[in-house]
PDB file of N, CA and C in Angstrom:
ATOM      1  N   MET A   1      71.794  22.165 -27.415  1.00  0.00           N
ATOM      2  CA  MET A   1      70.975  21.405 -28.112  1.00  0.00           C
ATOM      3  C   MET A   1      69.659  22.217 -28.467  1.00  0.00           C
ATOM      4  N   SER A   2      69.230  21.944 -29.754  1.00  0.00           N
ATOM      5  CA  SER A   2      67.997  22.860 -30.178  1.00  0.00           C
ATOM      6  C   SER A   2      66.771  22.214 -29.503  1.00  0.00           C
ATOM      7  N   ASP A   3      65.763  23.040 -29.531  1.00  0.00           N
ATOM      8  CA  ASP A   3      64.483  22.648 -28.939  1.00  0.00           C
ATOM      9  C   ASP A   3      63.904  21.439 -29.806  1.00  0.00           C
ATOM     10  N   SER A   4      64.014  21.647 -31.135  1.00  0.00           N
ATOM     11  CA  SER A   4      63.533  20.557 -31.997  1.00  0.00           C
ATOM     12  C   SER A   4      64.247  19.156 -31.844  1.00  0.00           C
ATOM     13  N   ARG A   5      65.467  19.262 -31.725  1.00  0.00           N
ATOM     14  CA  ARG A   5      66.339  18.085 -31.481  1.00  0.00           C
ATOM     15  C   ARG A   5      65.968  17.405 -30.167  1.00  0.00           C
ATOM     16  N   ALA A   6      65.843  18.209 -29.148  1.00  0.00           N
ATOM     17  CA  ALA A   6      65.444  17.720 -27.795  1.00  0.00           C
ATOM     18  C   ALA A   6      64.073  17.072 -27.859  1.00  0.00           C
ATOM     19  N   ALA A   7      63.107  17.700 -28.685  1.00  0.00           N
ATOM     20  CA  ALA A   7      61.787  17.182 -28.677  1.00  0.00           C
ATOM     21  C   ALA A   7      61.802  15.833 -29.422  1.00  0.00           C
ATOM     22  N   ARG A   8      62.678  15.730 -30.516  1.00  0.00           N
ATOM     23  CA  ARG A   8      62.758  14.573 -31.269  1.00  0.00           C
ATOM     24  C   ARG A   8      63.299  13.447 -30.397  1.00  0.00           C
ATOM     25  N   GLU A   9      64.286  13.660 -29.695  1.00  0.00           N
ATOM     26  CA  GLU A   9      64.963  12.671 -28.809  1.00  0.00           C
ATOM     27  C   GLU A   9      63.893  12.240 -27.693  1.00  0.00           C
ATOM     28  N   SER A  10      63.188  13.262 -27.270  1.00  0.00           N
ATOM     29  CA  SER A  10      62.230  12.779 -26.146  1.00  0.00           C
ATOM     30  C   SER A  10      61.134  11.885 -26.741  1.00  0.00           C
ATOM     31  N   GLU A  11      60.714  12.266 -27.983  1.00  0.00           N
ATOM     32  CA  GLU A  11      59.723  11.398 -28.699  1.00  0.00           C
ATOM     33  C   GLU A  11      60.322   9.926 -29.022  1.00  0.00           C
ATOM     34  N   ASP A  12      61.504  10.051 -29.346  1.00  0.00           N
ATOM     35  CA  ASP A  12      62.147   8.658 -29.668  1.00  0.00           C
ATOM     36  C   ASP A  12      62.233   7.858 -28.416  1.00  0.00           C
ATOM     37  N   LEU A  13      62.721   8.432 -27.273  1.00  0.00           N
ATOM     38  CA  LEU A  13      62.743   7.705 -26.033  1.00  0.00           C
ATOM     39  C   LEU A  13      61.437   7.211 -25.640  1.00  0.00           C
ATOM     40  N   GLN A  14      60.322   7.938 -25.675  1.00  0.00           N
ATOM     41  CA  GLN A  14      59.106   7.561 -25.395  1.00  0.00           C
ATOM     42  C   GLN A  14      58.658   6.381 -26.248  1.00  0.00           C
ATOM     43  N   ALA A  15      58.883   6.456 -27.572  1.00  0.00           N
ATOM     44  CA  ALA A  15      58.472   5.244 -28.466  1.00  0.00           C
ATOM     45  C   ALA A  15      59.279   4.066 -28.182  1.00  0.00           C
ATOM     46  N   LEU A  16      60.576   4.259 -27.866  1.00  0.00           N
ATOM     47  CA  LEU A  16      61.365   3.161 -27.404  1.00  0.00           C
ATOM     48  C   LEU A  16      60.809   2.391 -26.125  1.00  0.00           C
ATOM     49  N   ALA A  17      60.494   3.129 -25.213  1.00  0.00           N
ATOM     50  CA  ALA A  17      59.944   2.649 -23.986  1.00  0.00           C
ATOM     51  C   ALA A  17      58.603   2.022 -24.256  1.00  0.00           C
ATOM     52  N   ARG A  18      57.724   2.564 -24.943  1.00  0.00           N
ATOM     53  CA  ARG A  18      56.466   1.958 -25.312  1.00  0.00           C
ATOM     54  C   ARG A  18      56.661   0.629 -26.005  1.00  0.00           C
ATOM     55  N   GLN A  19      57.622   0.635 -26.860  1.00  0.00           N
ATOM     56  CA  GLN A  19      58.021  -0.623 -27.682  1.00  0.00           C
ATOM     57  C   GLN A  19      58.348  -1.686 -26.730  1.00  0.00           C
ATOM     58  N   ARG A  20      59.324  -1.361 -25.878  1.00  0.00           N
ATOM     59  CA  ARG A  20      59.857  -2.422 -24.979  1.00  0.00           C
ATOM     60  C   ARG A  20      58.760  -2.867 -23.964  1.00  0.00           C
ATOM     61  N   ILE A  21      57.897  -2.063 -23.527  1.00  0.00           N
ATOM     62  CA  ILE A  21      56.953  -2.435 -22.710  1.00  0.00           C
ATOM     63  C   ILE A  21      56.000  -3.294 -23.265  1.00  0.00           C
ATOM     64  N   ARG A  22      55.523  -2.974 -24.585  1.00  0.00           N
ATOM     65  CA  ARG A  22      54.724  -3.900 -25.385  1.00  0.00           C
ATOM     66  C   ARG A  22      55.384  -5.226 -25.589  1.00  0.00           C
ATOM     67  N   GLU A  23      56.645  -5.268 -25.968  1.00  0.00           N
ATOM     68  CA  GLU A  23      57.389  -6.534 -26.137  1.00  0.00           C
ATOM     69  C   GLU A  23      57.472  -7.311 -24.856  1.00  0.00           C
ATOM     70  N   ALA A  24      57.714  -6.734 -23.834  1.00  0.00           N
ATOM     71  CA  ALA A  24      57.759  -7.421 -22.493  1.00  0.00           C
ATOM     72  C   ALA A  24      56.431  -7.908 -22.149  1.00  0.00           C
ATOM     73  N   ASN A  25      55.256  -7.227 -22.257  1.00  0.00           N
ATOM     74  CA  ASN A  25      53.951  -7.621 -22.056  1.00  0.00           C
ATOM     75  C   ASN A  25      53.697  -8.869 -22.902  1.00  0.00           C
ATOM     76  N   ALA A  26      53.930  -8.786 -24.132  1.00  0.00           N
ATOM     77  CA  ALA A  26      53.732  -9.855 -25.195  1.00  0.00           C
ATOM     78  C   ALA A  26      54.407 -11.200 -24.782  1.00  0.00           C
ATOM     79  N   ALA A  27      55.731 -11.013 -24.388  1.00  0.00           N
ATOM     80  CA  ALA A  27      56.473 -12.194 -24.017  1.00  0.00           C
ATOM     81  C   ALA A  27      55.889 -12.821 -22.773  1.00  0.00           C
ATOM     82  N   PHE A  28      55.568 -11.960 -21.872  1.00  0.00           N
ATOM     83  CA  PHE A  28      54.942 -12.525 -20.521  1.00  0.00           C
ATOM     84  C   PHE A  28      53.616 -13.277 -20.852  1.00  0.00           C
ATOM     85  N   GLN A  29      52.771 -12.629 -21.629  1.00  0.00           N
ATOM     86  CA  GLN A  29      51.490 -13.266 -21.887  1.00  0.00           C
ATOM     87  C   GLN A  29      51.653 -14.504 -22.813  1.00  0.00           C
ATOM     88  N   GLY A  30      52.702 -14.538 -23.567  1.00  0.00           N
ATOM     89  CA  GLY A  30      52.911 -15.766 -24.416  1.00  0.00           C
ATOM     90  C   GLY A  30      53.727 -16.848 -23.608  1.00  0.00           C
ATOM     91  N   GLY A  31      53.982 -16.564 -22.383  1.00  0.00           N
ATOM     92  CA  GLY A  31      54.673 -17.638 -21.562  1.00  0.00           C
ATOM     93  C   GLY A  31      56.227 -17.498 -21.697  1.00  0.00           C
ATOM     94  N   GLY A  32      56.829 -16.702 -22.423  1.00  0.00           N
ATOM     95  CA  GLY A  32      58.223 -16.602 -22.699  1.00  0.00           C
ATOM     96  C   GLY A  32      58.842 -15.422 -21.853  1.00  0.00           C
ATOM     97  N   GLY A  33      58.098 -14.834 -20.963  1.00  0.00           N
ATOM     98  CA  GLY A  33      58.506 -13.616 -20.245  1.00  0.00           C
ATOM     99  C   GLY A  33      59.534 -14.096 -19.123  1.00  0.00           C
ATOM    100  N   ASP A  34      60.152 -13.052 -18.725  1.00  0.00           N
ATOM    101  CA  ASP A  34      61.152 -13.136 -17.494  1.00  0.00           C
ATOM    102  C   ASP A  34      60.319 -13.597 -16.336  1.00  0.00           C
ATOM    103  N   PRO A  35      60.742 -14.633 -15.616  1.00  0.00           N
ATOM    104  CA  PRO A  35      59.856 -15.193 -14.614  1.00  0.00           C
ATOM    105  C   PRO A  35      59.818 -14.201 -13.480  1.00  0.00           C
ATOM    106  N   VAL A  36      60.660 -13.271 -13.372  1.00  0.00           N
ATOM    107  CA  VAL A  36      60.527 -12.320 -12.261  1.00  0.00           C
ATOM    108  C   VAL A  36      59.207 -11.427 -12.285  1.00  0.00           C
ATOM    109  N   THR A  37      58.623 -11.381 -13.512  1.00  0.00           N
ATOM    110  CA  THR A  37      57.462 -10.604 -13.806  1.00  0.00           C
ATOM    111  C   THR A  37      56.265 -11.335 -13.526  1.00  0.00           C
ATOM    112  N   SER A  38      56.274 -12.643 -13.267  1.00  0.00           N
ATOM    113  CA  SER A  38      55.149 -13.548 -13.088  1.00  0.00           C
ATOM    114  C   SER A  38      54.560 -13.667 -11.802  1.00  0.00           C
ATOM    115  N   ALA A  39      55.126 -13.118 -10.782  1.00  0.00           N
ATOM    116  CA  ALA A  39      54.703 -13.234  -9.432  1.00  0.00           C
ATOM    117  C   ALA A  39      54.736 -11.923  -8.659  1.00  0.00           C
ATOM    118  N   VAL A  40      53.932 -11.781  -7.720  1.00  0.00           N
ATOM    119  CA  VAL A  40      54.032 -10.504  -6.751  1.00  0.00           C
ATOM    120  C   VAL A  40      55.167 -10.739  -5.928  1.00  0.00           C
ATOM    121  N   PRO A  41      56.059  -9.712  -5.821  1.00  0.00           N
ATOM    122  CA  PRO A  41      57.259  -9.844  -5.036  1.00  0.00           C
ATOM    123  C   PRO A  41      56.974 -10.199  -3.564  1.00  0.00           C
ATOM    124  N   ARG A  42      57.712 -11.179  -3.121  1.00  0.00           N
ATOM    125  CA  ARG A  42      57.535 -11.664  -1.716  1.00  0.00           C
ATOM    126  C   ARG A  42      58.290 -10.850  -0.660  1.00  0.00           C
ATOM    127  N   ASP A  43      59.361 -10.071  -1.177  1.00  0.00           N
ATOM    128  CA  ASP A  43      60.184  -9.486  -0.237  1.00  0.00           C
ATOM    129  C   ASP A  43      60.922  -8.233  -0.934  1.00  0.00           C
ATOM    130  N   ALA A  44      61.720  -7.503  -0.160  1.00  0.00           N
ATOM    131  CA  ALA A  44      62.454  -6.338  -0.593  1.00  0.00           C
ATOM    132  C   ALA A  44      63.344  -6.721  -1.622  1.00  0.00           C
ATOM    133  N   ASP A  45      64.103  -7.830  -1.600  1.00  0.00           N
ATOM    134  CA  ASP A  45      65.055  -8.232  -2.694  1.00  0.00           C
ATOM    135  C   ASP A  45      64.328  -8.456  -3.914  1.00  0.00           C
ATOM    136  N   GLU A  46      63.253  -9.214  -3.903  1.00  0.00           N
ATOM    137  CA  GLU A  46      62.528  -9.439  -5.263  1.00  0.00           C
ATOM    138  C   GLU A  46      61.920  -8.111  -5.679  1.00  0.00           C
ATOM    139  N   MET A  47      61.509  -7.171  -4.927  1.00  0.00           N
ATOM    140  CA  MET A  47      61.052  -5.860  -5.309  1.00  0.00           C
ATOM    141  C   MET A  47      62.329  -5.022  -5.860  1.00  0.00           C
ATOM    142  N   ARG A  48      63.473  -5.176  -5.293  1.00  0.00           N
ATOM    143  CA  ARG A  48      64.594  -4.424  -5.840  1.00  0.00           C
ATOM    144  C   ARG A  48      64.922  -5.018  -7.128  1.00  0.00           C
ATOM    145  N   ALA A  49      64.837  -6.275  -7.425  1.00  0.00           N
ATOM    146  CA  ALA A  49      65.152  -6.979  -8.754  1.00  0.00           C
ATOM    147  C   ALA A  49      64.042  -6.337  -9.834  1.00  0.00           C
ATOM    148  N   LEU A  50      62.808  -6.223  -9.338  1.00  0.00           N
ATOM    149  CA  LEU A  50      61.881  -5.638 -10.274  1.00  0.00           C
ATOM    150  C   LEU A  50      62.118  -4.274 -10.604  1.00  0.00           C
ATOM    151  N   VAL A  51      62.401  -3.456  -9.589  1.00  0.00           N
ATOM    152  CA  VAL A  51      62.794  -2.090  -9.818  1.00  0.00           C
ATOM    153  C   VAL A  51      64.011  -1.866 -10.792  1.00  0.00           C
ATOM    154  N   GLU A  52      64.959  -2.748 -10.654  1.00  0.00           N
ATOM    155  CA  GLU A  52      66.129  -2.666 -11.459  1.00  0.00           C
ATOM    156  C   GLU A  52      65.793  -3.065 -12.818  1.00  0.00           C
ATOM    157  N   ALA A  53      64.913  -4.146 -13.038  1.00  0.00           N
ATOM    158  CA  ALA A  53      64.567  -4.645 -14.240  1.00  0.00           C
ATOM    159  C   ALA A  53      63.798  -3.518 -15.007  1.00  0.00           C
ATOM    160  N   ALA A  54      62.945  -2.760 -14.348  1.00  0.00           N
ATOM    161  CA  ALA A  54      61.999  -1.847 -14.932  1.00  0.00           C
ATOM    162  C   ALA A  54      62.928  -0.771 -15.712  1.00  0.00           C
ATOM    163  N   TRP A  55      64.078  -0.392 -15.181  1.00  0.00           N
ATOM    164  CA  TRP A  55      65.031   0.518 -15.882  1.00  0.00           C
ATOM    165  C   TRP A  55      65.215  -0.067 -17.369  1.00  0.00           C
ATOM    166  N   GLY A  56      65.616  -1.354 -17.390  1.00  0.00           N
ATOM    167  CA  GLY A  56      65.788  -1.900 -18.599  1.00  0.00           C
ATOM    168  C   GLY A  56      64.670  -1.853 -19.698  1.00  0.00           C
ATOM    169  N   ASP A  57      63.491  -1.840 -19.067  1.00  0.00           N
ATOM    170  CA  ASP A  57      62.312  -1.779 -19.909  1.00  0.00           C
ATOM    171  C   ASP A  57      62.219  -0.463 -20.753  1.00  0.00           C
ATOM    172  N   ILE A  58      62.885   0.663 -20.159  1.00  0.00           N
ATOM    173  CA  ILE A  58      62.843   1.899 -20.890  1.00  0.00           C
ATOM    174  C   ILE A  58      64.215   2.153 -21.573  1.00  0.00           C
ATOM    175  N   GLY A  59      64.953   1.085 -21.641  1.00  0.00           N
ATOM    176  CA  GLY A  59      66.247   1.224 -22.406  1.00  0.00           C
ATOM    177  C   GLY A  59      67.284   1.990 -21.590  1.00  0.00           C
ATOM    178  N   ARG A  60      67.305   1.898 -20.246  1.00  0.00           N
ATOM    179  CA  ARG A  60      68.341   2.476 -19.449  1.00  0.00           C
ATOM    180  C   ARG A  60      68.824   1.475 -18.460  1.00  0.00           C
ATOM    181  N   SER A  61      70.122   1.537 -18.271  1.00  0.00           N
ATOM    182  CA  SER A  61      70.753   0.802 -17.167  1.00  0.00           C
ATOM    183  C   SER A  61      70.171   1.320 -15.972  1.00  0.00           C
ATOM    184  N   ALA A  62      70.084   0.380 -14.891  1.00  0.00           N
ATOM    185  CA  ALA A  62      69.581   0.801 -13.530  1.00  0.00           C
ATOM    186  C   ALA A  62      70.694   1.598 -12.826  1.00  0.00           C
ATOM    187  N   PRO A  63      70.433   2.650 -12.110  1.00  0.00           N
ATOM    188  CA  PRO A  63      71.464   3.368 -11.386  1.00  0.00           C
ATOM    189  C   PRO A  63      72.010   2.323 -10.435  1.00  0.00           C
ATOM    190  N   ALA A  64      73.246   2.570 -10.019  1.00  0.00           N
ATOM    191  CA  ALA A  64      73.814   1.729  -9.070  1.00  0.00           C
ATOM    192  C   ALA A  64      73.092   1.711  -7.719  1.00  0.00           C
ATOM    193  N   ARG A  65      73.043   0.554  -6.990  1.00  0.00           N
ATOM    194  CA  ARG A  65      72.362   0.406  -5.650  1.00  0.00           C
ATOM    195  C   ARG A  65      72.849   1.593  -4.770  1.00  0.00           C
ATOM    196  N   GLY A  66      72.070   2.292  -4.120  1.00  0.00           N
ATOM    197  CA  GLY A  66      72.441   3.440  -3.283  1.00  0.00           C
ATOM    198  C   GLY A  66      72.628   4.749  -3.927  1.00  0.00           C
ATOM    199  N   GLU A  67      72.610   4.710  -5.268  1.00  0.00           N
ATOM    200  CA  GLU A  67      72.805   5.910  -6.050  1.00  0.00           C
ATOM    201  C   GLU A  67      71.344   6.630  -6.237  1.00  0.00           C
ATOM    202  N   ASN A  68      71.316   7.899  -5.855  1.00  0.00           N
ATOM    203  CA  ASN A  68      70.206   8.748  -6.161  1.00  0.00           C
ATOM    204  C   ASN A  68      69.910   8.852  -7.575  1.00  0.00           C
ATOM    205  N   TYR A  69      68.673   8.740  -8.188  1.00  0.00           N
ATOM    206  CA  TYR A  69      68.415   8.677  -9.515  1.00  0.00           C
ATOM    207  C   TYR A  69      68.921  10.022 -10.189  1.00  0.00           C
ATOM    208  N   TRP A  70      68.586  11.077  -9.467  1.00  0.00           N
ATOM    209  CA  TRP A  70      68.955  12.435 -10.066  1.00  0.00           C
ATOM    210  C   TRP A  70      70.443  12.449 -10.300  1.00  0.00           C
ATOM    211  N   ASP A  71      71.188  12.023  -9.237  1.00  0.00           N
ATOM    212  CA  ASP A  71      72.749  12.030  -9.316  1.00  0.00           C
ATOM    213  C   ASP A  71      73.268  11.204 -10.508  1.00  0.00           C
ATOM    214  N   ALA A  72      72.495  10.216 -10.821  1.00  0.00           N
ATOM    215  CA  ALA A  72      72.809   9.246 -11.810  1.00  0.00           C
ATOM    216  C   ALA A  72      72.536   9.829 -13.294  1.00  0.00           C
ATOM    217  N   GLY A  73      71.916  11.032 -13.195  1.00  0.00           N
ATOM    218  CA  GLY A  73      71.594  11.663 -14.465  1.00  0.00           C
ATOM    219  C   GLY A  73      70.226  11.344 -15.144  1.00  0.00           C
ATOM    220  N   VAL A  74      69.298  10.757 -14.286  1.00  0.00           N
ATOM    221  CA  VAL A  74      67.904  10.361 -14.823  1.00  0.00           C
ATOM    222  C   VAL A  74      67.145  11.584 -14.923  1.00  0.00           C
ATOM    223  N   THR A  75      66.441  11.671 -16.094  1.00  0.00           N
ATOM    224  CA  THR A  75      65.636  12.929 -16.379  1.00  0.00           C
ATOM    225  C   THR A  75      64.238  12.684 -15.858  1.00  0.00           C
ATOM    226  N   SER A  76      63.382  13.806 -15.761  1.00  0.00           N
ATOM    227  CA  SER A  76      62.050  13.576 -15.259  1.00  0.00           C
ATOM    228  C   SER A  76      61.282  12.759 -16.372  1.00  0.00           C
ATOM    229  N   LEU A  77      61.579  12.805 -17.613  1.00  0.00           N
ATOM    230  CA  LEU A  77      60.830  11.990 -18.626  1.00  0.00           C
ATOM    231  C   LEU A  77      61.246  10.475 -18.338  1.00  0.00           C
ATOM    232  N   GLU A  78      62.425  10.252 -18.042  1.00  0.00           N
ATOM    233  CA  GLU A  78      62.597   8.812 -17.846  1.00  0.00           C
ATOM    234  C   GLU A  78      62.053   8.343 -16.558  1.00  0.00           C
ATOM    235  N   ILE A  79      61.870   9.262 -15.431  1.00  0.00           N
ATOM    236  CA  ILE A  79      61.091   8.799 -14.270  1.00  0.00           C
ATOM    237  C   ILE A  79      59.685   8.536 -14.641  1.00  0.00           C
ATOM    238  N   ALA A  80      59.059   9.295 -15.454  1.00  0.00           N
ATOM    239  CA  ALA A  80      57.655   9.044 -15.950  1.00  0.00           C
ATOM    240  C   ALA A  80      57.590   7.786 -16.590  1.00  0.00           C
ATOM    241  N   LEU A  81      58.505   7.507 -17.452  1.00  0.00           N
ATOM    242  CA  LEU A  81      58.540   6.156 -18.251  1.00  0.00           C
ATOM    243  C   LEU A  81      58.744   4.923 -17.423  1.00  0.00           C
ATOM    244  N   PHE A  82      59.693   5.238 -16.405  1.00  0.00           N
ATOM    245  CA  PHE A  82      60.121   4.154 -15.551  1.00  0.00           C
ATOM    246  C   PHE A  82      58.938   3.890 -14.627  1.00  0.00           C
ATOM    247  N   SER A  83      58.267   4.787 -14.156  1.00  0.00           N
ATOM    248  CA  SER A  83      57.059   4.473 -13.236  1.00  0.00           C
ATOM    249  C   SER A  83      55.987   3.711 -13.929  1.00  0.00           C
ATOM    250  N   GLU A  84      55.676   4.018 -15.150  1.00  0.00           N
ATOM    251  CA  GLU A  84      54.875   3.174 -16.054  1.00  0.00           C
ATOM    252  C   GLU A  84      55.258   1.808 -16.147  1.00  0.00           C
ATOM    253  N   ALA A  85      56.707   1.603 -16.562  1.00  0.00           N
ATOM    254  CA  ALA A  85      57.201   0.258 -16.800  1.00  0.00           C
ATOM    255  C   ALA A  85      57.150  -0.482 -15.378  1.00  0.00           C
ATOM    256  N   LEU A  86      57.502   0.219 -14.214  1.00  0.00           N
ATOM    257  CA  LEU A  86      57.431  -0.543 -13.003  1.00  0.00           C
ATOM    258  C   LEU A  86      56.021  -0.800 -12.648  1.00  0.00           C
ATOM    259  N   SER A  87      55.107  -0.012 -12.870  1.00  0.00           N
ATOM    260  CA  SER A  87      53.551  -0.321 -12.760  1.00  0.00           C
ATOM    261  C   SER A  87      53.292  -1.596 -13.402  1.00  0.00           C
ATOM    262  N   ASP A  88      53.674  -1.747 -14.637  1.00  0.00           N
ATOM    263  CA  ASP A  88      53.385  -2.957 -15.397  1.00  0.00           C
ATOM    264  C   ASP A  88      54.071  -4.156 -14.914  1.00  0.00           C
ATOM    265  N   ARG A  89      55.327  -4.039 -14.400  1.00  0.00           N
ATOM    266  CA  ARG A  89      56.007  -5.156 -13.737  1.00  0.00           C
ATOM    267  C   ARG A  89      55.392  -5.663 -12.531  1.00  0.00           C
ATOM    268  N   ILE A  90      54.921  -4.652 -11.631  1.00  0.00           N
ATOM    269  CA  ILE A  90      54.449  -5.195 -10.364  1.00  0.00           C
ATOM    270  C   ILE A  90      52.996  -5.345 -10.269  1.00  0.00           C
ATOM    271  N   GLY A  91      52.285  -4.889 -11.287  1.00  0.00           N
ATOM    272  CA  GLY A  91      50.753  -4.934 -11.404  1.00  0.00           C
ATOM    273  C   GLY A  91      50.058  -4.005 -10.387  1.00  0.00           C
ATOM    274  N   SER A  92      50.647  -2.956 -10.104  1.00  0.00           N
ATOM    275  CA  SER A  92      50.212  -1.972  -9.268  1.00  0.00           C
ATOM    276  C   SER A  92      50.732  -0.553  -9.635  1.00  0.00           C
ATOM    277  N   GLU A  93      49.722   0.446  -9.684  1.00  0.00           N
ATOM    278  CA  GLU A  93      50.229   1.657 -10.181  1.00  0.00           C
ATOM    279  C   GLU A  93      51.299   2.314  -9.281  1.00  0.00           C
ATOM    280  N   VAL A  94      52.477   2.681  -9.830  1.00  0.00           N
ATOM    281  CA  VAL A  94      53.451   3.465  -9.255  1.00  0.00           C
ATOM    282  C   VAL A  94      53.387   4.861  -9.752  1.00  0.00           C
ATOM    283  N   GLU A  95      53.100   5.751  -8.748  1.00  0.00           N
ATOM    284  CA  GLU A  95      53.045   7.081  -9.303  1.00  0.00           C
ATOM    285  C   GLU A  95      54.304   7.869  -9.469  1.00  0.00           C
ATOM    286  N   PHE A  96      54.459   8.772 -10.404  1.00  0.00           N
ATOM    287  CA  PHE A  96      55.565   9.547 -10.613  1.00  0.00           C
ATOM    288  C   PHE A  96      56.171  10.098  -9.286  1.00  0.00           C
ATOM    289  N   ASN A  97      55.273  10.627  -8.442  1.00  0.00           N
ATOM    290  CA  ASN A  97      55.751  11.331  -7.183  1.00  0.00           C
ATOM    291  C   ASN A  97      56.311  10.282  -6.246  1.00  0.00           C
ATOM    292  N   GLU A  98      55.888   8.993  -6.381  1.00  0.00           N
ATOM    293  CA  GLU A  98      56.483   8.139  -5.432  1.00  0.00           C
ATOM    294  C   GLU A  98      57.915   7.787  -5.701  1.00  0.00           C
ATOM    295  N   VAL A  99      58.167   7.760  -6.979  1.00  0.00           N
ATOM    296  CA  VAL A  99      59.656   7.611  -7.546  1.00  0.00           C
ATOM    297  C   VAL A  99      60.414   8.855  -7.143  1.00  0.00           C
ATOM    298  N   VAL A 100      59.906   9.986  -7.283  1.00  0.00           N
ATOM    299  CA  VAL A 100      60.625  11.274  -6.838  1.00  0.00           C
ATOM    300  C   VAL A 100      60.778  11.290  -5.400  1.00  0.00           C
ATOM    301  N   ASP A 101      59.889  10.855  -4.618  1.00  0.00           N
ATOM    302  CA  ASP A 101      59.893  10.915  -3.161  1.00  0.00           C
ATOM    303  C   ASP A 101      60.908   9.825  -2.632  1.00  0.00           C
ATOM    304  N   HIS A 102      61.196   8.819  -3.475  1.00  0.00           N
ATOM    305  CA  HIS A 102      62.002   7.659  -2.951  1.00  0.00           C
ATOM    306  C   HIS A 102      63.087   7.449  -4.149  1.00  0.00           C
ATOM    307  N   PRO A 103      64.026   8.283  -4.442  1.00  0.00           N
ATOM    308  CA  PRO A 103      64.845   8.362  -5.501  1.00  0.00           C
ATOM    309  C   PRO A 103      66.045   7.550  -5.517  1.00  0.00           C
ATOM    310  N   GLU A 104      65.960   6.297  -4.887  1.00  0.00           N
ATOM    311  CA  GLU A 104      67.090   5.324  -4.880  1.00  0.00           C
ATOM    312  C   GLU A 104      66.342   3.933  -4.919  1.00  0.00           C
ATOM    313  N   THR A 105      67.076   2.933  -5.488  1.00  0.00           N
ATOM    314  CA  THR A 105      66.481   1.704  -5.775  1.00  0.00           C
ATOM    315  C   THR A 105      65.914   0.948  -4.500  1.00  0.00           C
ATOM    316  N   GLY A 106      66.815   0.867  -3.488  1.00  0.00           N
ATOM    317  CA  GLY A 106      66.407   0.261  -2.222  1.00  0.00           C
ATOM    318  C   GLY A 106      65.335   0.923  -1.582  1.00  0.00           C
ATOM    319  N   GLU A 107      65.477   2.281  -1.501  1.00  0.00           N
ATOM    320  CA  GLU A 107      64.482   3.013  -0.876  1.00  0.00           C
ATOM    321  C   GLU A 107      63.128   2.907  -1.434  1.00  0.00           C
ATOM    322  N   LEU A 108      63.040   2.980  -2.837  1.00  0.00           N
ATOM    323  CA  LEU A 108      61.674   2.777  -3.645  1.00  0.00           C
ATOM    324  C   LEU A 108      61.243   1.416  -3.362  1.00  0.00           C
ATOM    325  N   ALA A 109      62.103   0.410  -3.473  1.00  0.00           N
ATOM    326  CA  ALA A 109      61.646  -1.039  -3.229  1.00  0.00           C
ATOM    327  C   ALA A 109      61.020  -1.198  -1.783  1.00  0.00           C
ATOM    328  N   ASP A 110      61.669  -0.632  -0.781  1.00  0.00           N
ATOM    329  CA  ASP A 110      61.158  -0.666   0.572  1.00  0.00           C
ATOM    330  C   ASP A 110      59.771  -0.022   0.632  1.00  0.00           C
ATOM    331  N   HIS A 111      59.673   1.046   0.029  1.00  0.00           N
ATOM    332  CA  HIS A 111      58.425   1.806   0.059  1.00  0.00           C
ATOM    333  C   HIS A 111      57.337   1.048  -0.544  1.00  0.00           C
ATOM    334  N   LEU A 112      57.613   0.444  -1.719  1.00  0.00           N
ATOM    335  CA  LEU A 112      56.624  -0.325  -2.472  1.00  0.00           C
ATOM    336  C   LEU A 112      56.255  -1.553  -1.757  1.00  0.00           C
ATOM    337  N   CYS A 113      57.116  -2.174  -1.092  1.00  0.00           N
ATOM    338  CA  CYS A 113      56.860  -3.408  -0.218  1.00  0.00           C
ATOM    339  C   CYS A 113      55.959  -3.000   0.897  1.00  0.00           C
ATOM    340  N   LEU A 114      56.210  -1.961   1.586  1.00  0.00           N
ATOM    341  CA  LEU A 114      55.420  -1.472   2.704  1.00  0.00           C
ATOM    342  C   LEU A 114      53.933  -1.062   2.238  1.00  0.00           C
ATOM    343  N   ARG A 115      53.928  -0.239   1.110  1.00  0.00           N
ATOM    344  CA  ARG A 115      52.703   0.176   0.729  1.00  0.00           C
ATOM    345  C   ARG A 115      51.961  -1.195  -0.016  1.00  0.00           C
ATOM    346  N   GLY A 116      52.500  -2.151  -0.528  1.00  0.00           N
ATOM    347  CA  GLY A 116      51.932  -3.290  -1.059  1.00  0.00           C
ATOM    348  C   GLY A 116      51.902  -4.419  -0.168  1.00  0.00           C
ATOM    349  N   ALA A 117      51.888  -4.309   1.088  1.00  0.00           N
ATOM    350  CA  ALA A 117      51.831  -5.473   1.952  1.00  0.00           C
ATOM    351  C   ALA A 117      50.646  -6.361   1.785  1.00  0.00           C
ATOM    352  N   SER A 118      49.519  -5.710   1.329  1.00  0.00           N
ATOM    353  CA  SER A 118      48.404  -6.511   1.173  1.00  0.00           C
ATOM    354  C   SER A 118      48.201  -7.178  -0.272  1.00  0.00           C
ATOM    355  N   TRP A 119      49.277  -6.978  -1.153  1.00  0.00           N
ATOM    356  CA  TRP A 119      49.214  -7.677  -2.473  1.00  0.00           C
ATOM    357  C   TRP A 119      49.132  -9.206  -2.459  1.00  0.00           C
ATOM    358  N   ALA A 120      49.837  -9.770  -1.550  1.00  0.00           N
ATOM    359  CA  ALA A 120      50.078 -11.141  -1.329  1.00  0.00           C
ATOM    360  C   ALA A 120      48.729 -11.884  -1.213  1.00  0.00           C
TER     361      ALA A 120
END
């Protein structure tokens, strides 16, 4: 793949992610949003659901439960977009390094629950 084609695809993916995040935020603010985004997660299962839903926000299917993101073919750009989308969903900043350090849905959800115990 040429560098210019890769750059265009990267820009297209970023634009799609930004558009989906804007649409999700608009739907939520207008009352038509997914109810899972309307409350702070109470437990790891709710957090897992938010983690999985954030993949859809960037136009990607969530990796299978228990599957390492890197093994699923997720790129570092997608990780960056995903961390932004997940931050929007849970109302708390999720750093790129947190996703890299916890590269599996359940592991990341558990980490975020432990880190966010004071959110409730």
